[in-house]
C-alpha atoms as a PDB file:
ATOM      1  CA  MET A   1      16.849 -15.537  56.026  1.00  0.00           C
ATOM      2  CA  PRO A   2      14.433 -14.765  58.659  1.00  0.00           C
ATOM      3  CA  VAL A   3      10.424 -15.312  58.001  1.00  0.00           C
ATOM      4  CA  ARG A   4       8.912 -10.706  57.472  1.00  0.00           C
ATOM      5  CA  ARG A   5       5.144 -10.808  58.531  1.00  0.00           C
ATOM      6  CA  SER A   6       2.730  -7.691  57.684  1.00  0.00           C
ATOM      7  CA  ARG A   7       1.845  -5.422  60.314  1.00  0.00           C
ATOM      8  CA  ARG A   8      -1.642  -5.398  59.066  1.00  0.00           C
ATOM      9  CA  GLY A   9      -3.056  -3.293  62.053  1.00  0.00           C
ATOM     10  CA  SER A  10      -0.770  -4.913  64.483  1.00  0.00           C
ATOM     11  CA  SER A  11       1.959  -2.691  67.184  1.00  0.00           C
ATOM     12  CA  SER A  12       3.838  -5.301  67.914  1.00  0.00           C
ATOM     13  CA  GLY A  13       4.863  -7.050  64.186  1.00  0.00           C
ATOM     14  CA  GLN A  14       3.347 -10.269  64.606  1.00  0.00           C
ATOM     15  CA  SER A  15      -0.339 -11.131  62.593  1.00  0.00           C
ATOM     16  CA  ARG A  16      -2.352 -13.081  65.138  1.00  0.00           C
ATOM     17  CA  VAL A  17      -4.364 -16.028  63.730  1.00  0.00           C
ATOM     18  CA  ARG A  18      -8.364 -16.354  63.966  1.00  0.00           C
ATOM     19  CA  SER A  19     -10.178 -19.231  63.741  1.00  0.00           C
ATOM     20  CA  ARG A  20     -13.407 -18.942  61.788  1.00  0.00           C
ATOM     21  CA  THR A  21     -15.965 -19.340  64.167  1.00  0.00           C
ATOM     22  CA  ALA A  22     -13.970 -15.984  66.457  1.00  0.00           C
ATOM     23  CA  ARG A  23     -13.990 -14.480  62.022  1.00  0.00           C
ATOM     24  CA  ALA A  24     -16.928 -14.919  60.946  1.00  0.00           C
ATOM     25  CA  GLU A  25     -19.005 -14.172  64.982  1.00  0.00           C
ATOM     26  CA  LEU A  26     -20.161 -17.232  65.845  1.00  0.00           C
ATOM     27  CA  THR A  27     -20.430 -19.307  68.620  1.00  0.00           C
ATOM     28  CA  PHE A  28     -20.871 -23.027  67.196  1.00  0.00           C
ATOM     29  CA  SER A  29     -17.907 -24.387  66.307  1.00  0.00           C
ATOM     30  CA  VAL A  30     -17.055 -23.274  62.093  1.00  0.00           C
ATOM     31  CA  SER A  31     -15.061 -26.362  62.371  1.00  0.00           C
ATOM     32  CA  HIS A  32     -16.913 -28.735  63.855  1.00  0.00           C
ATOM     33  CA  VAL A  33     -20.144 -28.146  60.631  1.00  0.00           C
ATOM     34  CA  GLU A  34     -17.455 -28.501  58.027  1.00  0.00           C
ATOM     35  CA  ARG A  35     -15.677 -32.113  59.380  1.00  0.00           C
ATOM     36  CA  LEU A  36     -19.174 -33.085  59.962  1.00  0.00           C
ATOM     37  CA  LEU A  37     -19.800 -31.800  55.984  1.00  0.00           C
ATOM     38  CA  ARG A  38     -17.222 -33.603  54.153  1.00  0.00           C
ATOM     39  CA  GLU A  39     -17.875 -36.980  57.106  1.00  0.00           C
ATOM     40  CA  GLY A  40     -21.007 -37.442  56.091  1.00  0.00           C
ATOM     41  CA  ARG A  41     -20.617 -37.160  52.075  1.00  0.00           C
ATOM     42  CA  TYR A  42     -23.478 -34.726  51.611  1.00  0.00           C
ATOM     43  CA  SER A  43     -21.411 -33.829  47.895  1.00  0.00           C
ATOM     44  CA  GLN A  44     -18.357 -34.461  45.963  1.00  0.00           C
ATOM     45  CA  ARG A  45     -17.515 -30.320  46.813  1.00  0.00           C
ATOM     46  CA  LEU A  46     -17.452 -28.593  49.453  1.00  0.00           C
ATOM     47  CA  GLY A  47     -17.552 -24.826  49.710  1.00  0.00           C
ATOM     48  CA  ALA A  48     -15.373 -22.688  51.228  1.00  0.00           C
ATOM     49  CA  SER A  49     -18.739 -20.849  52.921  1.00  0.00           C
ATOM     50  CA  ALA A  50     -21.300 -23.476  53.390  1.00  0.00           C
ATOM     51  CA  PRO A  51     -20.272 -24.291  57.047  1.00  0.00           C
ATOM     52  CA  ILE A  52     -20.017 -20.857  58.063  1.00  0.00           C
ATOM     53  CA  PHE A  53     -23.223 -20.619  56.391  1.00  0.00           C
ATOM     54  CA  LEU A  54     -24.911 -23.367  58.052  1.00  0.00           C
ATOM     55  CA  ALA A  55     -23.071 -22.555  61.331  1.00  0.00           C
ATOM     56  CA  ALA A  56     -24.430 -19.462  61.693  1.00  0.00           C
ATOM     57  CA  VAL A  57     -28.169 -21.057  60.278  1.00  0.00           C
ATOM     58  CA  ILE A  58     -28.428 -23.660  63.385  1.00  0.00           C
ATOM     59  CA  GLN A  59     -26.732 -20.670  66.194  1.00  0.00           C
ATOM     60  CA  SER A  60     -29.519 -18.585  64.422  1.00  0.00           C
ATOM     61  CA  LEU A  61     -32.040 -21.683  64.931  1.00  0.00           C
ATOM     62  CA  THR A  62     -31.250 -22.669  68.670  1.00  0.00           C
ATOM     63  CA  ALA A  63     -30.932 -18.838  69.482  1.00  0.00           C
ATOM     64  CA  LYS A  64     -35.162 -18.683  68.243  1.00  0.00           C
ATOM     65  CA  VAL A  65     -36.056 -22.710  69.988  1.00  0.00           C
ATOM     66  CA  LEU A  66     -34.615 -21.079  73.662  1.00  0.00           C
ATOM     67  CA  GLU A  67     -35.290 -18.193  73.771  1.00  0.00           C
ATOM     68  CA  LEU A  68     -39.095 -19.168  73.100  1.00  0.00           C
ATOM     69  CA  ALA A  69     -38.910 -21.726  75.907  1.00  0.00           C
ATOM     70  CA  GLY A  70     -37.205 -19.233  78.242  1.00  0.00           C
ATOM     71  CA  ILE A  71     -40.183 -16.881  77.437  1.00  0.00           C
ATOM     72  CA  GLU A  72     -42.362 -19.927  78.130  1.00  0.00           C
ATOM     73  CA  ALA A  73     -41.002 -21.528  81.031  1.00  0.00           C
ATOM     74  CA  ARG A  74     -41.022 -18.332  82.099  1.00  0.00           C
ATOM     75  CA  ASN A  75     -44.903 -17.713  82.188  1.00  0.00           C
ATOM     76  CA  ARG A  76     -45.394 -21.021  83.780  1.00  0.00           C
ATOM     77  CA  GLY A  77     -43.488 -19.872  86.570  1.00  0.00           C
ATOM     78  CA  ARG A  78     -40.598 -22.346  86.451  1.00  0.00           C
ATOM     79  CA  ARG A  79     -37.018 -21.702  86.680  1.00  0.00           C
ATOM     80  CA  LEU A  80     -35.200 -24.537  84.544  1.00  0.00           C
ATOM     81  CA  ILE A  81     -36.381 -25.018  80.257  1.00  0.00           C
ATOM     82  CA  THR A  82     -37.380 -28.300  80.577  1.00  0.00           C
ATOM     83  CA  PRO A  83     -37.592 -30.704  77.798  1.00  0.00           C
ATOM     84  CA  ASP A  84     -41.140 -30.315  77.353  1.00  0.00           C
ATOM     85  CA  VAL A  85     -40.814 -26.982  77.312  1.00  0.00           C
ATOM     86  CA  VAL A  86     -39.227 -26.769  74.765  1.00  0.00           C
ATOM     87  CA  ASP A  87     -41.672 -29.879  73.268  1.00  0.00           C
ATOM     88  CA  MET A  88     -43.947 -27.031  73.461  1.00  0.00           C
ATOM     89  CA  VAL A  89     -42.851 -23.970  71.856  1.00  0.00           C
ATOM     90  CA  VAL A  90     -41.685 -26.093  68.358  1.00  0.00           C
ATOM     91  CA  HIS A  91     -44.830 -27.711  68.288  1.00  0.00           C
ATOM     92  CA  SER A  92     -47.378 -24.622  69.381  1.00  0.00           C
ATOM     93  CA  HIS A  93     -44.758 -22.237  67.161  1.00  0.00           C
ATOM     94  CA  PRO A  94     -46.453 -23.178  63.118  1.00  0.00           C
ATOM     95  CA  PRO A  95     -42.707 -22.445  61.080  1.00  0.00           C
ATOM     96  CA  LEU A  96     -41.371 -24.379  63.870  1.00  0.00           C
ATOM     97  CA  SER A  97     -44.220 -26.948  64.149  1.00  0.00           C
ATOM     98  CA  ALA A  98     -42.908 -27.234  60.376  1.00  0.00           C
ATOM     99  CA  PHE A  99     -39.836 -27.280  59.959  1.00  0.00           C
ATOM    100  CA  PHE A 100     -39.810 -30.012  63.395  1.00  0.00           C
ATOM    101  CA  GLN A 101     -42.618 -31.394  62.091  1.00  0.00           C
ATOM    102  CA  SER A 102     -40.653 -35.234  62.153  1.00  0.00           C
ATOM    103  CA  THR A 103     -38.530 -34.824  65.578  1.00  0.00           C
ATOM    104  CA  ILE A 104     -39.246 -36.799  68.872  1.00  0.00           C
ATOM    105  CA  ILE A 105     -38.092 -34.282  71.283  1.00  0.00           C
ATOM    106  CA  SER A 106     -36.812 -36.840  74.378  1.00  0.00           C
ATOM    107  CA  GLN A 107     -38.552 -36.651  78.223  1.00  0.00           C
ATOM    108  CA  ALA A 108     -35.743 -38.315  79.827  1.00  0.00           C
ATOM    109  CA  VAL A 109     -33.029 -36.427  81.110  1.00  0.00           C
ATOM    110  CA  PRO A 110     -30.027 -38.681  82.318  1.00  0.00           C
ATOM    111  CA  GLY A 111     -28.367 -38.058  85.091  1.00  0.00           C
ATOM    112  CA  TRP A 112     -31.655 -35.704  86.800  1.00  0.00           C
ATOM    113  CA  ASN A 113     -33.334 -37.439  89.884  1.00  0.00           C
END
């Protein structure tokens, strides 16, 4: 007996499977974050929404740092965001500075001559 699928808004009759990343409208992979959380054994149990929320926070934080670094690079007349620009932005922005206080941003970029 064939399996029937519901037509929830689909005109072709086949339901389309969307990833959790696509459903949450994120760029950072929810599955990857979940795998890292599980492998890290940070807790015995992991809620269904925890990796989605963490992926969203990481994406938002990354976007903010890159936005500020892009503005600073443009102000310096540069076309590239370099590690020294990111380091300067992170340590000159008070909330980011508090968050990244024990972080060292490497000045050595492998493969760049």
